[in-house]
N, C-alpha and C. Protein backbone atom coordinates (compact mmCIF):
# COMPACT_ATOMS: atom_id res chain seq x y z
N MET A 1 106.65 135.81 47.00
CA MET A 1 107.22 135.00 47.70
C MET A 1 108.50 134.89 47.81
N GLU A 2 109.10 135.14 48.97
CA GLU A 2 110.77 135.72 49.25
C GLU A 2 111.73 135.19 47.76
N ALA A 3 112.79 135.36 47.62
CA ALA A 3 113.39 135.02 47.03
C ALA A 3 115.08 135.30 47.15
N LYS A 4 115.79 134.34 47.19
CA LYS A 4 117.71 134.70 47.68
C LYS A 4 118.13 134.17 46.16
N LEU A 5 119.59 135.57 46.86
CA LEU A 5 120.25 135.65 46.12
C LEU A 5 121.29 135.60 46.27
N TYR A 6 122.47 134.79 45.61
CA TYR A 6 123.75 135.28 45.38
C TYR A 6 124.07 136.46 45.56
N VAL A 7 125.46 137.16 45.97
CA VAL A 7 125.85 138.06 45.85
C VAL A 7 127.77 137.29 45.80
N GLY A 8 128.60 137.57 44.64
CA GLY A 8 129.56 137.31 45.36
C GLY A 8 130.48 138.09 44.09
N ASN A 9 131.65 137.65 44.86
CA ASN A 9 132.89 138.70 44.26
C ASN A 9 132.81 139.63 44.64
N LEU A 10 132.90 139.66 46.50
CA LEU A 10 132.49 140.96 47.12
C LEU A 10 133.70 141.77 47.50
N SER A 11 134.38 143.03 47.77
CA SER A 11 135.57 143.79 48.27
C SER A 11 135.13 142.42 49.94
N TYR A 12 136.84 142.60 50.03
CA TYR A 12 136.45 142.27 51.44
C TYR A 12 135.95 143.30 52.59
N ASP A 13 135.84 144.25 52.36
CA ASP A 13 135.27 145.92 52.69
C ASP A 13 134.36 146.07 52.75
N THR A 14 133.42 144.69 52.15
CA THR A 14 132.07 145.51 51.90
C THR A 14 131.08 144.82 53.19
N THR A 15 129.72 146.08 53.44
CA THR A 15 129.04 145.30 54.84
C THR A 15 128.03 145.16 54.76
N GLU A 16 127.14 144.49 55.36
CA GLU A 16 125.58 143.79 55.18
C GLU A 16 125.41 145.60 54.34
N ASP A 17 125.21 146.60 55.64
CA ASP A 17 124.87 148.06 55.76
C ASP A 17 125.24 147.98 53.87
N GLU A 18 126.10 147.89 53.75
CA GLU A 18 126.57 149.09 52.09
C GLU A 18 125.43 147.73 51.22
N LEU A 19 125.20 146.38 51.22
CA LEU A 19 124.20 145.80 50.18
C LEU A 19 123.27 145.97 50.77
N ARG A 20 122.84 145.89 51.96
CA ARG A 20 121.12 146.60 52.25
C ARG A 20 120.42 147.91 51.50
N SER A 21 121.73 148.76 51.30
CA SER A 21 121.56 149.95 50.95
C SER A 21 121.65 149.55 49.65
N LEU A 22 121.96 149.24 48.75
CA LEU A 22 122.37 148.55 47.15
C LEU A 22 121.39 148.21 46.66
N PHE A 23 120.55 147.07 47.44
CA PHE A 23 119.90 145.84 46.72
C PHE A 23 118.19 146.59 47.45
N THR A 24 117.96 147.92 48.00
CA THR A 24 116.82 148.87 48.33
C THR A 24 116.49 149.13 47.76
N GLN A 25 117.29 149.71 46.74
CA GLN A 25 116.97 150.25 45.62
C GLN A 25 115.90 150.01 44.51
N VAL A 26 115.94 148.88 44.45
CA VAL A 26 115.57 148.06 43.33
C VAL A 26 113.92 147.18 44.73
N GLY A 27 114.22 147.19 45.61
CA GLY A 27 112.92 146.37 45.91
C GLY A 27 113.14 146.28 48.02
N THR A 28 112.22 145.70 48.51
CA THR A 28 112.12 145.74 49.81
C THR A 28 113.26 144.15 49.93
N VAL A 29 114.52 144.38 50.92
CA VAL A 29 115.25 143.73 51.17
C VAL A 29 114.51 143.00 52.92
N ASN A 30 114.73 141.05 52.92
CA ASN A 30 114.15 140.95 54.15
C ASN A 30 115.18 140.38 54.60
N GLU A 31 116.44 140.30 54.59
CA GLU A 31 117.54 139.70 54.87
C GLU A 31 118.87 140.03 54.26
N VAL A 32 120.15 140.19 54.91
CA VAL A 32 121.25 140.21 54.42
C VAL A 32 122.39 139.44 55.09
N ALA A 33 122.80 138.40 54.69
CA ALA A 33 124.20 137.55 55.52
C ALA A 33 124.91 137.27 54.81
N LEU A 34 125.86 138.14 55.22
CA LEU A 34 127.67 138.47 54.78
C LEU A 34 128.18 137.43 55.33
N ILE A 35 128.37 136.51 54.26
CA ILE A 35 129.13 134.47 54.77
C ILE A 35 131.43 135.56 55.05
N LYS A 36 131.19 135.14 56.65
CA LYS A 36 132.64 135.52 57.21
C LYS A 36 132.89 134.06 57.55
N ASP A 37 134.56 133.84 58.11
CA ASP A 37 135.09 133.30 58.09
C ASP A 37 135.08 132.90 59.35
N ARG A 38 134.82 131.40 60.39
CA ARG A 38 134.51 131.65 61.59
C ARG A 38 135.78 131.72 62.52
N ASP A 39 136.47 131.17 62.13
CA ASP A 39 138.08 131.58 63.29
C ASP A 39 138.22 133.09 62.37
N THR A 40 138.45 133.83 61.70
CA THR A 40 139.05 135.19 61.42
C THR A 40 138.12 136.56 61.91
N GLY A 41 136.91 135.84 61.29
CA GLY A 41 135.63 136.62 60.91
C GLY A 41 135.67 137.25 59.71
N SER A 42 136.59 137.64 59.74
CA SER A 42 137.13 138.22 57.85
C SER A 42 135.79 137.88 56.70
N SER A 43 135.18 138.86 55.81
CA SER A 43 134.85 138.54 54.94
C SER A 43 135.14 137.24 53.63
N LYS A 44 134.58 136.46 53.33
CA LYS A 44 134.86 135.46 52.67
C LYS A 44 134.59 135.66 51.43
N GLY A 45 133.78 137.09 50.69
CA GLY A 45 134.14 137.88 49.54
C GLY A 45 132.77 137.06 49.27
N PHE A 46 131.29 136.96 49.83
CA PHE A 46 130.11 136.34 49.26
C PHE A 46 128.64 137.39 50.50
N ALA A 47 127.88 136.92 49.80
CA ALA A 47 126.52 136.64 50.72
C ALA A 47 125.35 136.35 49.62
N PHE A 48 124.53 136.43 50.86
CA PHE A 48 123.29 135.95 50.38
C PHE A 48 122.14 136.81 50.74
N VAL A 49 121.58 137.92 49.81
CA VAL A 49 120.09 138.48 50.04
C VAL A 49 118.83 137.91 49.62
N THR A 50 117.97 138.17 50.50
CA THR A 50 116.88 137.45 50.48
C THR A 50 115.73 138.85 50.30
N MET A 51 114.97 138.98 49.02
CA MET A 51 114.50 140.04 48.22
C MET A 51 113.03 139.37 48.78
N ASN A 52 111.74 140.17 48.90
CA ASN A 52 110.80 140.12 49.14
C ASN A 52 109.66 139.13 48.15
N SER A 53 110.43 139.48 46.80
CA SER A 53 109.26 138.69 46.00
C SER A 53 110.57 138.60 45.21
N GLN A 54 109.98 136.98 43.61
CA GLN A 54 110.46 137.00 42.87
C GLN A 54 110.87 138.30 41.97
N GLU A 55 109.77 139.18 41.41
CA GLU A 55 110.04 140.10 40.38
C GLU A 55 111.49 141.04 40.91
N GLU A 56 111.39 141.09 42.81
CA GLU A 56 111.96 142.43 42.64
C GLU A 56 113.80 141.62 42.55
N ALA A 57 113.93 140.28 42.91
CA ALA A 57 115.30 139.21 42.96
C ALA A 57 115.18 139.90 41.66
N ASN A 58 114.13 139.40 39.84
CA ASN A 58 115.19 139.72 38.96
C ASN A 58 115.19 141.03 38.36
N LYS A 59 114.38 141.84 38.82
CA LYS A 59 114.93 143.20 39.21
C LYS A 59 116.50 143.61 39.58
N ALA A 60 116.56 142.61 40.61
CA ALA A 60 118.06 143.44 41.03
C ALA A 60 118.99 142.68 39.74
N ILE A 61 118.87 141.14 40.17
CA ILE A 61 119.62 140.67 38.70
C ILE A 61 120.14 141.82 37.51
N GLU A 62 119.06 142.04 37.01
CA GLU A 62 119.10 142.89 36.34
C GLU A 62 119.98 144.00 35.99
N GLN A 63 120.44 144.49 37.59
CA GLN A 63 120.35 145.68 37.66
C GLN A 63 122.10 145.72 38.24
N PHE A 64 122.09 144.46 38.98
CA PHE A 64 123.66 145.01 39.86
C PHE A 64 124.53 143.48 38.87
N ASN A 65 124.06 142.29 38.72
CA ASN A 65 125.30 142.07 37.69
C ASN A 65 125.98 142.51 36.83
N GLY A 66 127.35 142.57 37.49
CA GLY A 66 128.23 143.06 36.67
C GLY A 66 128.38 144.11 36.82
N GLN A 67 127.72 145.01 37.77
CA GLN A 67 127.97 146.41 38.48
C GLN A 67 129.37 146.66 39.33
N ASN A 68 129.56 147.41 39.50
CA ASN A 68 131.20 147.47 40.40
C ASN A 68 130.61 147.90 41.30
N LEU A 69 130.73 147.80 42.53
CA LEU A 69 131.04 147.78 44.01
C LEU A 69 132.27 147.90 44.49
N GLY A 70 132.53 148.95 45.07
CA GLY A 70 134.05 148.16 45.98
C GLY A 70 135.20 148.32 44.62
N ASN A 71 135.36 148.19 43.92
CA ASN A 71 135.84 148.69 42.01
C ASN A 71 135.79 146.98 42.11
N ARG A 72 135.00 146.23 42.01
CA ARG A 72 135.26 144.84 41.94
C ARG A 72 133.37 144.35 41.32
N ALA A 73 133.40 143.71 39.98
CA ALA A 73 132.32 143.47 39.41
C ALA A 73 131.57 142.52 39.98
N LEU A 74 130.08 142.98 40.70
CA LEU A 74 129.67 142.44 41.31
C LEU A 74 128.80 141.12 40.08
N THR A 75 128.49 139.09 41.43
CA THR A 75 127.99 138.30 40.76
C THR A 75 126.64 138.06 41.19
N VAL A 76 125.50 138.89 40.43
CA VAL A 76 124.33 137.93 41.31
C VAL A 76 123.43 137.37 40.84
N ASN A 77 122.78 136.57 41.42
CA ASN A 77 122.49 135.56 40.36
C ASN A 77 121.45 134.77 41.74
N ILE A 78 120.32 134.38 41.08
CA ILE A 78 119.32 133.41 42.20
C ILE A 78 120.17 132.21 42.93
N ALA A 79 120.28 132.43 44.24
CA ALA A 79 121.28 131.48 45.32
C ALA A 79 120.68 130.00 44.11
N ARG A 80 121.58 128.97 44.41
CA ARG A 80 120.69 127.11 44.62
C ARG A 80 120.99 127.08 46.22
N PRO A 81 120.06 126.20 46.24
CA PRO A 81 120.33 125.38 47.63
C PRO A 81 120.77 124.64 47.97
N ARG A 82 121.30 124.51 49.10
CA ARG A 82 122.79 124.21 50.04
C ARG A 82 123.39 122.62 49.08
N GLU A 83 123.74 122.11 48.37
CA GLU A 83 124.33 120.91 48.58
C GLU A 83 124.56 120.44 50.07
N GLU A 84 124.06 119.04 49.96
CA GLU A 84 124.73 118.11 50.74
C GLU A 84 125.95 117.76 50.02
N ARG A 85 126.79 117.50 51.68
CA ARG A 85 128.55 117.60 51.55
C ARG A 85 128.75 116.35 51.63
N PRO A 86 129.03 115.05 50.97
CA PRO A 86 129.51 113.93 51.56
C PRO A 86 130.01 113.68 53.19
N ARG A 87 130.23 113.17 54.69
CA ARG A 87 130.95 112.89 55.26
C ARG A 87 132.35 112.74 55.01
N SER A 88 133.32 112.96 55.69
CA SER A 88 134.80 113.15 55.26
C SER A 88 135.15 111.68 56.13
N ASN A 89 136.55 110.73 56.29
CA ASN A 89 136.30 109.49 56.28
C ASN A 89 136.57 110.33 58.24
N TYR A 90 137.09 111.31 58.36
CA TYR A 90 137.35 111.62 60.10
C TYR A 90 136.29 112.38 60.43
N ASP A 91 135.33 111.41 61.22
CA ASP A 91 134.64 112.23 61.81
C ASP A 91 134.27 112.42 62.96
N SER A 92 134.41 114.33 63.60
CA SER A 92 135.08 114.51 64.72
C SER A 92 134.23 114.04 66.05
N ASN A 93 133.54 113.49 66.33
CA ASN A 93 132.60 112.22 67.14
C ASN A 93 134.24 110.95 67.60
N GLN A 94 135.25 110.36 66.20
CA GLN A 94 135.67 109.98 66.42
C GLN A 94 137.02 110.55 66.44
N ARG A 95 137.64 110.67 68.07
CA ARG A 95 139.27 111.68 67.11
C ARG A 95 140.10 110.66 67.97
N GLY A 96 139.71 109.96 68.12
CA GLY A 96 140.91 108.84 69.09
C GLY A 96 141.52 109.28 70.48
N GLY A 97 141.84 108.31 70.87
CA GLY A 97 142.79 109.38 72.20
C GLY A 97 142.12 109.56 73.22
N GLY A 98 142.20 110.08 74.65
CA GLY A 98 141.71 110.77 75.23
C GLY A 98 140.90 109.90 76.64
N GLY A 99 140.73 108.28 76.06
CA GLY A 99 140.58 107.01 77.04
C GLY A 99 141.38 107.40 78.67
N TYR A 100 141.01 106.93 79.10
CA TYR A 100 141.71 106.22 80.60
C TYR A 100 141.79 105.25 80.34
N ARG A 101 143.25 104.98 80.89
CA ARG A 101 143.61 103.46 81.08
C ARG A 101 144.16 102.97 82.21
N SER A 102 143.49 102.08 82.28
CA SER A 102 144.08 101.34 84.11
C SER A 102 144.54 100.70 83.78
N ASN A 103 145.58 101.14 84.38
CA ASN A 103 147.04 99.66 85.50
C ASN A 103 147.55 100.22 86.12
N SER A 104 148.87 99.62 86.60
CA SER A 104 149.15 99.15 88.20
C SER A 104 149.88 100.17 88.30
N ASN A 105 150.71 101.17 87.39
CA ASN A 105 151.54 102.59 87.37
C ASN A 105 151.07 103.35 87.50
N ASN A 106 149.76 103.27 86.88
CA ASN A 106 149.31 104.96 87.24
C ASN A 106 149.09 106.00 86.29
N ARG A 107 149.59 105.56 84.84
CA ARG A 107 150.21 106.67 84.76
C ARG A 107 148.41 107.29 83.93
N GLY A 108 147.84 106.69 83.88
CA GLY A 108 146.58 107.48 83.42
C GLY A 108 146.36 108.43 81.90
N GLY A 109 145.44 108.55 81.51
CA GLY A 109 145.07 109.53 80.30
C GLY A 109 144.77 108.81 78.72
N GLY A 110 146.05 108.46 78.24
CA GLY A 110 146.36 107.35 77.36
C GLY A 110 145.92 107.81 76.07
N GLY A 111 145.59 106.73 75.35
CA GLY A 111 145.35 107.64 73.85
C GLY A 111 146.08 108.00 72.78
N GLY A 112 145.61 107.94 71.79
CA GLY A 112 146.19 108.97 70.36
C GLY A 112 147.93 108.77 70.57
N ASN A 113 148.38 109.35 70.15
CA ASN A 113 150.28 108.56 69.61
C ASN A 113 151.42 108.14 70.72
N ARG A 114 151.26 108.90 71.33
CA ARG A 114 152.55 108.74 72.63
C ARG A 114 152.28 107.82 73.14
N ARG A 115 153.78 107.34 73.02
CA ARG A 115 154.37 105.93 74.37
C ARG A 115 154.98 106.05 74.90
N TYR A 116 154.78 105.35 75.84
CA TYR A 116 155.19 105.10 77.62
C TYR A 116 156.06 104.38 77.34
């Protein structure tokens, strides 16, 4: 059964290929997901590595937790399931504004905080 590992404290220059090469030393790597900022595309400094078995994942933790990669001591442990975050009061579907205003002077548009 596959086991997913959290790999943290990565240098922002670390690549998925480097992680795959490192973790392949202890077993079969099924997937490497380097987490990136959606706006800038730069690394967020952590990744998830999916190993082929729980035994290989345990070997990876023993071997690589605390090991230096890119002058940084790695944090390697079993990934926890993603927690559901409560929705904020600001729902993207309720942004307000943008509606059509029908009135005799045909200004249209409307919505938001604009004053006429």
